[in-house]
Amino acid sequence: MKVVVVGRGRVGSLLARELSRAGVAVRLIASRGRLAIGKADVVIVAVRDPAIEATSERLAPQLEKGTVVLHCAGNVGPLALHACAERGVSTGVMHPLVSIADKKKTPVVSGTTFVIDGDARARAVARRLVKSMRALSVVGSFHGAAYHAAAVLLVGGSLANLVDCVELLRNVGLSKRDAVLALGGLLRGVGENVMTLGIPAALTGPIVRGDVATISAHLRALESAPVSKAAYIAVAQRMLRVAQSGGLDAKSVRAIGAKLRQRPSKK
């Protein structure tokens, strides 16, 4: 297959690199200016969501019969490529569930998941490309705001919590660099546990152990950091529900729940 990736941003750069490593003949071209795709079996549109339809309209006149066009957005479905579909070619979505913060330091996609949709041929070609990168595929009409919100909540929420946690470690004497590296490694381990053990088995810590004394100590330690304490309580309440679904006994659930709802005594 000859693949053309349109868009030199983070997603386009990542896909071009990984497909090239997999032995696929791939060209990476800019989405601005003259859009000349030449001979291509597959065109991957890796542009920002609002630009997908306009890019599709620019591509359509150049497409030959048998071409497959895929976009990489998670927030919209295959209909964003309607101009290409009207040309009579196969269209679909191949969205990487990968966090890409810097196009010069893109992550390896092996072992990650791509969510695929589109007509039968587009789905088949997308699955073939994903398999070549040693990644996983989930096929179905999942794309849209709810699906995208789940991904954003996980990535952005984890980072927001990480900022608080780094500050807590700095307050007890760690440098910012050491705190970031330590917690980043811990977060990576959580991801590995989730992938190998699933949920709720991947949950660790005092809540899943029913350790009320440790949770009480945490809350006391956070008295001087009210924002972090509020975040701890909110997340701990969610963790308690996960622990309960994993078999935490009712007595421990009640005791931890009461501790998390307890207001600090006035001095």
C-alpha atoms as a PDB file:
ATOM      1  CA  MET A   1       0.000   0.000   0.000  1.00  0.00           C
ATOM      2  CA  LYS A   2       1.040   3.542  -0.760  1.00  0.00           C
ATOM      3  CA  VAL A   3      -0.103   5.829   2.042  1.00  0.00           C
ATOM      4  CA  VAL A   4      -0.212   9.620   2.098  1.00  0.00           C
ATOM      5  CA  VAL A   5      -0.627  11.336   5.457  1.00  0.00           C
ATOM      6  CA  VAL A   6      -2.052  14.852   5.174  1.00  0.00           C
ATOM      7  CA  GLY A   7      -1.014  17.069   8.076  1.00  0.00           C
ATOM      8  CA  ARG A   8       2.417  17.572   9.628  1.00  0.00           C
ATOM      9  CA  GLY A   9       1.140  18.037  13.174  1.00  0.00           C
ATOM     10  CA  ARG A  10       1.541  15.683  16.108  1.00  0.00           C
ATOM     11  CA  VAL A  11      -0.835  12.959  14.926  1.00  0.00           C
ATOM     12  CA  GLY A  12       0.310  13.038  11.299  1.00  0.00           C
ATOM     13  CA  SER A  13       3.984  12.945  12.283  1.00  0.00           C
ATOM     14  CA  LEU A  14       3.365  10.035  14.650  1.00  0.00           C
ATOM     15  CA  LEU A  15       1.466   7.952  12.089  1.00  0.00           C
ATOM     16  CA  ALA A  16       3.958   8.638   9.304  1.00  0.00           C
ATOM     17  CA  ARG A  17       6.835   7.582  11.533  1.00  0.00           C
ATOM     18  CA  GLU A  18       5.162   4.425  12.843  1.00  0.00           C
ATOM     19  CA  LEU A  19       3.896   3.309   9.437  1.00  0.00           C
ATOM     20  CA  SER A  20       7.330   3.867   7.937  1.00  0.00           C
ATOM     21  CA  ARG A  21       8.886   1.765  10.725  1.00  0.00           C
ATOM     22  CA  ALA A  22       6.364  -0.945   9.888  1.00  0.00           C
ATOM     23  CA  GLY A  23       7.591  -1.036   6.285  1.00  0.00           C
ATOM     24  CA  VAL A  24       4.666   0.841   4.751  1.00  0.00           C
ATOM     25  CA  ALA A  25       5.434   3.216   1.853  1.00  0.00           C
ATOM     26  CA  VAL A  26       4.286   6.516   3.344  1.00  0.00           C
ATOM     27  CA  ARG A  27       4.567  10.213   2.453  1.00  0.00           C
ATOM     28  CA  LEU A  28       3.845  13.015   4.905  1.00  0.00           C
ATOM     29  CA  ILE A  29       2.575  16.241   3.325  1.00  0.00           C
ATOM     30  CA  ALA A  30       1.397  19.566   4.674  1.00  0.00           C
ATOM     31  CA  SER A  31      -2.334  20.300   4.741  1.00  0.00           C
ATOM     32  CA  ARG A  32      -1.815  23.940   3.759  1.00  0.00           C
ATOM     33  CA  GLY A  33      -0.983  25.248   0.339  1.00  0.00           C
ATOM     34  CA  ARG A  34      -1.246  23.072  -2.734  1.00  0.00           C
ATOM     35  CA  LEU A  35      -2.602  19.681  -1.703  1.00  0.00           C
ATOM     36  CA  ALA A  36      -1.110  17.213  -4.189  1.00  0.00           C
ATOM     37  CA  ILE A  37      -1.454  13.601  -3.055  1.00  0.00           C
ATOM     38  CA  GLY A  38      -0.314  11.954  -6.282  1.00  0.00           C
ATOM     39  CA  LYS A  39      -0.638   8.170  -6.413  1.00  0.00           C
ATOM     40  CA  ALA A  40      -2.074   6.851  -3.155  1.00  0.00           C
ATOM     41  CA  ASP A  41      -3.950   3.749  -2.075  1.00  0.00           C
ATOM     42  CA  VAL A  42      -4.771   5.285   1.295  1.00  0.00           C
ATOM     43  CA  VAL A  43      -5.027   8.933   2.340  1.00  0.00           C
ATOM     44  CA  ILE A  44      -4.976   9.656   6.071  1.00  0.00           C
ATOM     45  CA  VAL A  45      -6.356  13.092   6.967  1.00  0.00           C
ATOM     46  CA  ALA A  46      -4.555  14.135  10.159  1.00  0.00           C
ATOM     47  CA  VAL A  47      -5.784  17.702  10.576  1.00  0.00           C
ATOM     48  CA  ARG A  48      -7.718  19.501  13.313  1.00  0.00           C
ATOM     49  CA  ASP A  49     -11.371  18.518  13.626  1.00  0.00           C
ATOM     50  CA  PRO A  50     -12.829  21.756  12.165  1.00  0.00           C
ATOM     51  CA  ALA A  51     -10.611  21.416   9.070  1.00  0.00           C
ATOM     52  CA  ILE A  52     -11.573  17.842   8.138  1.00  0.00           C
ATOM     53  CA  GLU A  53     -14.540  18.695   5.924  1.00  0.00           C
ATOM     54  CA  ALA A  54     -12.691  21.437   4.040  1.00  0.00           C
ATOM     55  CA  THR A  55      -9.684  19.147   3.538  1.00  0.00           C
ATOM     56  CA  SER A  56     -12.023  16.418   2.297  1.00  0.00           C
ATOM     57  CA  GLU A  57     -13.460  18.811  -0.278  1.00  0.00           C
ATOM     58  CA  ARG A  58      -9.968  19.698  -1.503  1.00  0.00           C
ATOM     59  CA  LEU A  59      -8.969  16.031  -1.730  1.00  0.00           C
ATOM     60  CA  ALA A  60     -12.074  14.726  -3.491  1.00  0.00           C
ATOM     61  CA  PRO A  61     -11.256  15.857  -7.070  1.00  0.00           C
ATOM     62  CA  GLN A  62      -7.872  14.099  -6.940  1.00  0.00           C
ATOM     63  CA  LEU A  63      -9.109  10.715  -5.737  1.00  0.00           C
ATOM     64  CA  GLU A  64      -9.041   7.663  -7.947  1.00  0.00           C
ATOM     65  CA  LYS A  65     -11.418   4.738  -7.736  1.00  0.00           C
ATOM     66  CA  GLY A  66     -10.305   2.293  -5.069  1.00  0.00           C
ATOM     67  CA  THR A  67      -8.690   4.881  -2.802  1.00  0.00           C
ATOM     68  CA  VAL A  68      -9.456   4.739   0.911  1.00  0.00           C
ATOM     69  CA  VAL A  69      -9.647   7.981   2.904  1.00  0.00           C
ATOM     70  CA  LEU A  70      -9.426   7.913   6.699  1.00  0.00           C
ATOM     71  CA  HIS A  71      -9.440  10.746   9.213  1.00  0.00           C
ATOM     72  CA  CYS A  72      -7.959  10.584  12.705  1.00  0.00           C
ATOM     73  CA  ALA A  73     -10.410  12.578  14.823  1.00  0.00           C
ATOM     74  CA  GLY A  74     -12.281  11.038  17.730  1.00  0.00           C
ATOM     75  CA  ASN A  75     -14.921  13.726  18.026  1.00  0.00           C
ATOM     76  CA  VAL A  76     -16.545  13.201  14.613  1.00  0.00           C
ATOM     77  CA  GLY A  77     -17.479  10.160  12.554  1.00  0.00           C
ATOM     78  CA  PRO A  78     -16.981   9.162   8.903  1.00  0.00           C
ATOM     79  CA  LEU A  79     -19.577  11.689   7.671  1.00  0.00           C
ATOM     80  CA  ALA A  80     -16.944  14.426   7.998  1.00  0.00           C
ATOM     81  CA  LEU A  81     -15.452  12.926   4.806  1.00  0.00           C
ATOM     82  CA  HIS A  82     -18.724  13.131   2.863  1.00  0.00           C
ATOM     83  CA  ALA A  83     -17.117  14.993  -0.064  1.00  0.00           C
ATOM     84  CA  CYS A  84     -14.756  12.056  -0.607  1.00  0.00           C
ATOM     85  CA  ALA A  85     -17.556   9.528  -0.169  1.00  0.00           C
ATOM     86  CA  GLU A  86     -19.574  11.335  -2.839  1.00  0.00           C
ATOM     87  CA  ARG A  87     -16.607  10.796  -5.133  1.00  0.00           C
ATOM     88  CA  GLY A  88     -17.238   7.062  -4.751  1.00  0.00           C
ATOM     89  CA  VAL A  89     -14.276   6.104  -2.574  1.00  0.00           C
ATOM     90  CA  SER A  90     -14.234   4.311   0.762  1.00  0.00           C
ATOM     91  CA  THR A  91     -14.116   6.504   3.863  1.00  0.00           C
ATOM     92  CA  GLY A  92     -13.650   5.895   7.547  1.00  0.00           C
ATOM     93  CA  VAL A  93     -12.066   6.868  10.845  1.00  0.00           C
ATOM     94  CA  MET A  94      -8.860   5.594  12.451  1.00  0.00           C
ATOM     95  CA  HIS A  95      -8.545   7.430  15.754  1.00  0.00           C
ATOM     96  CA  PRO A  96      -5.470   6.691  17.888  1.00  0.00           C
ATOM     97  CA  LEU A  97      -6.135   6.561  21.624  1.00  0.00           C
ATOM     98  CA  VAL A  98      -2.653   7.918  22.231  1.00  0.00           C
ATOM     99  CA  SER A  99      -1.543  10.980  24.183  1.00  0.00           C
ATOM    100  CA  ILE A 100       0.764  13.004  21.918  1.00  0.00           C
ATOM    101  CA  ALA A 101       2.210  16.063  23.640  1.00  0.00           C
ATOM    102  CA  ASP A 102       5.140  16.834  21.301  1.00  0.00           C
ATOM    103  CA  LYS A 103       5.546  15.816  17.665  1.00  0.00           C
ATOM    104  CA  LYS A 104       9.323  15.566  18.125  1.00  0.00           C
ATOM    105  CA  LYS A 105       8.933  13.178  21.074  1.00  0.00           C
ATOM    106  CA  THR A 106       5.985  11.092  19.987  1.00  0.00           C
ATOM    107  CA  PRO A 107       5.154   7.897  21.917  1.00  0.00           C
ATOM    108  CA  VAL A 108       5.417   4.413  20.483  1.00  0.00           C
ATOM    109  CA  VAL A 109       1.972   3.166  19.434  1.00  0.00           C
ATOM    110  CA  SER A 110       2.697  -0.558  19.814  1.00  0.00           C
ATOM    111  CA  GLY A 111       0.165  -1.951  22.275  1.00  0.00           C
ATOM    112  CA  THR A 112      -2.127   1.088  22.137  1.00  0.00           C
ATOM    113  CA  THR A 113      -5.634   1.076  20.659  1.00  0.00           C
ATOM    114  CA  PHE A 114      -7.105   2.655  17.533  1.00  0.00           C
ATOM    115  CA  VAL A 115     -10.883   3.038  17.263  1.00  0.00           C
ATOM    116  CA  ILE A 116     -12.022   2.351  13.707  1.00  0.00           C
ATOM    117  CA  ASP A 117     -15.234   3.079  11.809  1.00  0.00           C
ATOM    118  CA  GLY A 118     -16.406   3.519   8.215  1.00  0.00           C
ATOM    119  CA  ASP A 119     -17.561   1.352   5.347  1.00  0.00           C
ATOM    120  CA  ALA A 120     -16.418  -2.261   5.133  1.00  0.00           C
ATOM    121  CA  ARG A 121     -13.365  -1.604   2.956  1.00  0.00           C
ATOM    122  CA  ALA A 122     -12.220   1.405   4.990  1.00  0.00           C
ATOM    123  CA  ARG A 123     -12.491  -0.618   8.186  1.00  0.00           C
ATOM    124  CA  ALA A 124     -10.503  -3.505   6.701  1.00  0.00           C
ATOM    125  CA  VAL A 125      -7.723  -1.231   5.450  1.00  0.00           C
ATOM    126  CA  ALA A 126      -7.572   0.674   8.753  1.00  0.00           C
ATOM    127  CA  ARG A 127      -7.294  -2.595  10.682  1.00  0.00           C
ATOM    128  CA  ARG A 128      -4.473  -3.712   8.392  1.00  0.00           C
ATOM    129  CA  LEU A 129      -2.568  -0.460   8.981  1.00  0.00           C
ATOM    130  CA  VAL A 130      -3.090  -0.638  12.742  1.00  0.00           C
ATOM    131  CA  LYS A 131      -1.930  -4.246  12.841  1.00  0.00           C
ATOM    132  CA  SER A 132       1.223  -3.284  10.911  1.00  0.00           C
ATOM    133  CA  MET A 133       2.047  -0.847  13.752  1.00  0.00           C
ATOM    134  CA  ARG A 134       1.503  -3.667  16.298  1.00  0.00           C
ATOM    135  CA  ALA A 135      -1.382  -1.770  17.837  1.00  0.00           C
ATOM    136  CA  LEU A 136      -4.887  -2.955  18.723  1.00  0.00           C
ATOM    137  CA  SER A 137      -8.182  -2.214  16.963  1.00  0.00           C
ATOM    138  CA  VAL A 138     -11.687  -1.618  18.227  1.00  0.00           C
ATOM    139  CA  VAL A 139     -14.219  -1.443  15.397  1.00  0.00           C
ATOM    140  CA  GLY A 140     -17.598   0.266  15.670  1.00  0.00           C
ATOM    141  CA  SER A 141     -19.550   3.506  15.453  1.00  0.00           C
ATOM    142  CA  PHE A 142     -18.300   4.941  18.736  1.00  0.00           C
ATOM    143  CA  HIS A 143     -16.900   8.287  17.634  1.00  0.00           C
ATOM    144  CA  GLY A 144     -18.519  11.452  18.897  1.00  0.00           C
ATOM    145  CA  ALA A 145     -18.667  13.761  21.893  1.00  0.00           C
ATOM    146  CA  ALA A 146     -19.232  11.113  24.597  1.00  0.00           C
ATOM    147  CA  TYR A 147     -16.425   8.876  23.315  1.00  0.00           C
ATOM    148  CA  HIS A 148     -14.080  11.855  22.993  1.00  0.00           C
ATOM    149  CA  ALA A 149     -15.031  13.149  26.453  1.00  0.00           C
ATOM    150  CA  ALA A 150     -13.961   9.842  28.003  1.00  0.00           C
ATOM    151  CA  ALA A 151     -10.506  10.128  26.445  1.00  0.00           C
ATOM    152  CA  VAL A 152     -10.125  13.810  27.363  1.00  0.00           C
ATOM    153  CA  LEU A 153     -11.268  13.207  30.940  1.00  0.00           C
ATOM    154  CA  LEU A 154      -8.714  10.457  31.433  1.00  0.00           C
ATOM    155  CA  VAL A 155      -5.752  12.263  29.879  1.00  0.00           C
ATOM    156  CA  GLY A 156      -6.515  15.771  31.133  1.00  0.00           C
ATOM    157  CA  GLY A 157      -7.838  14.585  34.475  1.00  0.00           C
ATOM    158  CA  SER A 158      -4.744  12.487  35.147  1.00  0.00           C
ATOM    159  CA  LEU A 159      -2.491  15.419  34.325  1.00  0.00           C
ATOM    160  CA  ALA A 160      -4.499  17.810  36.501  1.00  0.00           C
ATOM    161  CA  ASN A 161      -4.232  15.402  39.431  1.00  0.00           C
ATOM    162  CA  LEU A 162      -0.542  14.955  38.716  1.00  0.00           C
ATOM    163  CA  VAL A 163       0.054  18.719  39.045  1.00  0.00           C
ATOM    164  CA  ASP A 164      -1.446  18.634  42.551  1.00  0.00           C
ATOM    165  CA  CYS A 165       0.567  15.562  43.494  1.00  0.00           C
ATOM    166  CA  VAL A 166       3.829  17.087  42.262  1.00  0.00           C
ATOM    167  CA  GLU A 167       3.184  20.147  44.418  1.00  0.00           C
ATOM    168  CA  LEU A 168       2.545  17.961  47.468  1.00  0.00           C
ATOM    169  CA  LEU A 169       5.854  16.153  46.952  1.00  0.00           C
ATOM    170  CA  ARG A 170       7.681  19.437  46.463  1.00  0.00           C
ATOM    171  CA  ASN A 171       6.258  20.623  49.771  1.00  0.00           C
ATOM    172  CA  VAL A 172       7.895  17.678  51.550  1.00  0.00           C
ATOM    173  CA  GLY A 173      11.286  18.308  49.938  1.00  0.00           C
ATOM    174  CA  LEU A 174      11.462  16.658  46.498  1.00  0.00           C
ATOM    175  CA  SER A 175      12.640  18.684  43.532  1.00  0.00           C
ATOM    176  CA  LYS A 176      10.112  19.245  40.760  1.00  0.00           C
ATOM    177  CA  ARG A 177      12.147  17.039  38.394  1.00  0.00           C
ATOM    178  CA  ASP A 178      12.335  14.153  40.871  1.00  0.00           C
ATOM    179  CA  ALA A 179       8.638  14.454  41.688  1.00  0.00           C
ATOM    180  CA  VAL A 180       7.625  14.449  38.032  1.00  0.00           C
ATOM    181  CA  LEU A 181       9.810  11.439  37.203  1.00  0.00           C
ATOM    182  CA  ALA A 182       8.667   9.496  40.252  1.00  0.00           C
ATOM    183  CA  LEU A 183       4.972  10.123  39.727  1.00  0.00           C
ATOM    184  CA  GLY A 184       5.223   9.658  35.962  1.00  0.00           C
ATOM    185  CA  GLY A 185       6.691   6.210  36.548  1.00  0.00           C
ATOM    186  CA  LEU A 186       3.942   5.444  39.049  1.00  0.00           C
ATOM    187  CA  LEU A 187       1.282   6.536  36.553  1.00  0.00           C
ATOM    188  CA  ARG A 188       2.834   4.332  33.871  1.00  0.00           C
ATOM    189  CA  GLY A 189       2.612   1.376  36.252  1.00  0.00           C
ATOM    190  CA  VAL A 190      -1.080   2.075  36.812  1.00  0.00           C
ATOM    191  CA  GLY A 191      -1.668   1.939  33.062  1.00  0.00           C
ATOM    192  CA  GLU A 192       0.162  -1.379  32.803  1.00  0.00           C
ATOM    193  CA  ASN A 193      -1.887  -2.805  35.688  1.00  0.00           C
ATOM    194  CA  VAL A 194      -5.134  -1.723  34.041  1.00  0.00           C
ATOM    195  CA  MET A 195      -4.144  -3.368  30.758  1.00  0.00           C
ATOM    196  CA  THR A 196      -3.006  -6.642  32.345  1.00  0.00           C
ATOM    197  CA  LEU A 197      -5.390  -6.983  35.310  1.00  0.00           C
ATOM    198  CA  GLY A 198      -8.401  -4.887  34.339  1.00  0.00           C
ATOM    199  CA  ILE A 199     -10.778  -3.039  36.663  1.00  0.00           C
ATOM    200  CA  PRO A 200     -11.293  -3.280  39.635  1.00  0.00           C
ATOM    201  CA  ALA A 201      -8.306  -5.626  40.095  1.00  0.00           C
ATOM    202  CA  ALA A 202      -5.828  -2.861  39.185  1.00  0.00           C
ATOM    203  CA  LEU A 203      -6.924  -0.658  42.110  1.00  0.00           C
ATOM    204  CA  THR A 204      -4.330  -0.494  44.894  1.00  0.00           C
ATOM    205  CA  GLY A 205      -3.862   1.563  48.055  1.00  0.00           C
ATOM    206  CA  PRO A 206      -5.498   2.005  51.455  1.00  0.00           C
ATOM    207  CA  ILE A 207      -9.083   2.186  50.172  1.00  0.00           C
ATOM    208  CA  VAL A 208      -9.066  -1.256  48.574  1.00  0.00           C
ATOM    209  CA  ARG A 209      -7.425  -2.566  51.782  1.00  0.00           C
ATOM    210  CA  GLY A 210     -10.089  -0.945  53.988  1.00  0.00           C
ATOM    211  CA  ASP A 211      -7.345   0.968  55.831  1.00  0.00           C
ATOM    212  CA  VAL A 212      -9.265   3.763  57.563  1.00  0.00           C
ATOM    213  CA  ALA A 213      -6.295   4.810  59.720  1.00  0.00           C
ATOM    214  CA  THR A 214      -4.118   5.603  56.703  1.00  0.00           C
ATOM    215  CA  ILE A 215      -6.920   7.519  54.997  1.00  0.00           C
ATOM    216  CA  SER A 216      -7.404   9.557  58.188  1.00  0.00           C
ATOM    217  CA  ALA A 217      -3.684  10.362  58.227  1.00  0.00           C
ATOM    218  CA  HIS A 218      -3.874  11.505  54.595  1.00  0.00           C
ATOM    219  CA  LEU A 219      -6.769  13.848  55.363  1.00  0.00           C
ATOM    220  CA  ARG A 220      -4.929  15.349  58.341  1.00  0.00           C
ATOM    221  CA  ALA A 221      -1.799  15.870  56.237  1.00  0.00           C
ATOM    222  CA  LEU A 222      -3.839  17.730  53.621  1.00  0.00           C
ATOM    223  CA  GLU A 223      -5.495  20.165  56.052  1.00  0.00           C
ATOM    224  CA  SER A 224      -3.086  22.914  54.975  1.00  0.00           C
ATOM    225  CA  ALA A 225      -3.790  22.268  51.274  1.00  0.00           C
ATOM    226  CA  PRO A 226      -7.594  22.594  50.968  1.00  0.00           C
ATOM    227  CA  VAL A 227      -7.677  22.320  47.167  1.00  0.00           C
ATOM    228  CA  SER A 228      -5.663  19.098  47.234  1.00  0.00           C
ATOM    229  CA  LYS A 229      -7.790  17.780  50.085  1.00  0.00           C
ATOM    230  CA  ALA A 230     -10.990  18.431  48.160  1.00  0.00           C
ATOM    231  CA  ALA A 231      -9.529  16.637  45.138  1.00  0.00           C
ATOM    232  CA  TYR A 232      -8.424  13.722  47.341  1.00  0.00           C
ATOM    233  CA  ILE A 233     -11.906  13.323  48.831  1.00  0.00           C
ATOM    234  CA  ALA A 234     -13.634  13.514  45.451  1.00  0.00           C
ATOM    235  CA  VAL A 235     -11.336  10.924  43.886  1.00  0.00           C
ATOM    236  CA  ALA A 236     -11.363   8.718  47.001  1.00  0.00           C
ATOM    237  CA  GLN A 237     -15.159   8.554  46.888  1.00  0.00           C
ATOM    238  CA  ARG A 238     -14.961   7.270  43.322  1.00  0.00           C
ATOM    239  CA  MET A 239     -12.237   4.798  44.306  1.00  0.00           C
ATOM    240  CA  LEU A 240     -14.437   3.557  47.139  1.00  0.00           C
ATOM    241  CA  ARG A 241     -17.172   2.641  44.654  1.00  0.00           C
ATOM    242  CA  VAL A 242     -14.614   0.784  42.536  1.00  0.00           C
ATOM    243  CA  ALA A 243     -13.311  -1.054  45.618  1.00  0.00           C
ATOM    244  CA  GLN A 244     -16.859  -1.960  46.608  1.00  0.00           C
ATOM    245  CA  SER A 245     -17.497  -3.436  43.165  1.00  0.00           C
ATOM    246  CA  GLY A 246     -14.326  -5.470  43.644  1.00  0.00           C
ATOM    247  CA  GLY A 247     -15.575  -7.011  46.880  1.00  0.00           C
ATOM    248  CA  LEU A 248     -14.548  -4.628  49.687  1.00  0.00           C
ATOM    249  CA  ASP A 249     -16.622  -5.600  52.736  1.00  0.00           C
ATOM    250  CA  ALA A 250     -19.613  -3.480  53.728  1.00  0.00           C
ATOM    251  CA  LYS A 251     -18.173  -2.527  57.135  1.00  0.00           C
ATOM    252  CA  SER A 252     -15.045  -1.037  55.527  1.00  0.00           C
ATOM    253  CA  VAL A 253     -17.134   0.750  52.883  1.00  0.00           C
ATOM    254  CA  ARG A 254     -19.253   2.407  55.590  1.00  0.00           C
ATOM    255  CA  ALA A 255     -16.240   3.375  57.724  1.00  0.00           C
ATOM    256  CA  ILE A 256     -14.290   4.896  54.815  1.00  0.00           C
ATOM    257  CA  GLY A 257     -17.388   6.657  53.469  1.00  0.00           C
ATOM    258  CA  ALA A 258     -18.041   8.214  56.868  1.00  0.00           C
ATOM    259  CA  LYS A 259     -14.423   9.345  57.166  1.00  0.00           C
ATOM    260  CA  LEU A 260     -14.520  11.004  53.726  1.00  0.00           C
ATOM    261  CA  ARG A 261     -17.736  12.842  54.648  1.00  0.00           C
ATOM    262  CA  GLN A 262     -16.476  13.942  58.055  1.00  0.00           C
ATOM    263  CA  ARG A 263     -15.983  17.664  58.514  1.00  0.00           C
ATOM    264  CA  PRO A 264     -12.830  18.834  60.337  1.00  0.00           C
ATOM    265  CA  SER A 265     -13.415  19.714  63.979  1.00  0.00           C
ATOM    266  CA  LYS A 266     -13.315  23.425  64.827  1.00  0.00           C
ATOM    267  CA  LYS A 267     -10.553  24.463  67.162  1.00  0.00           C
END
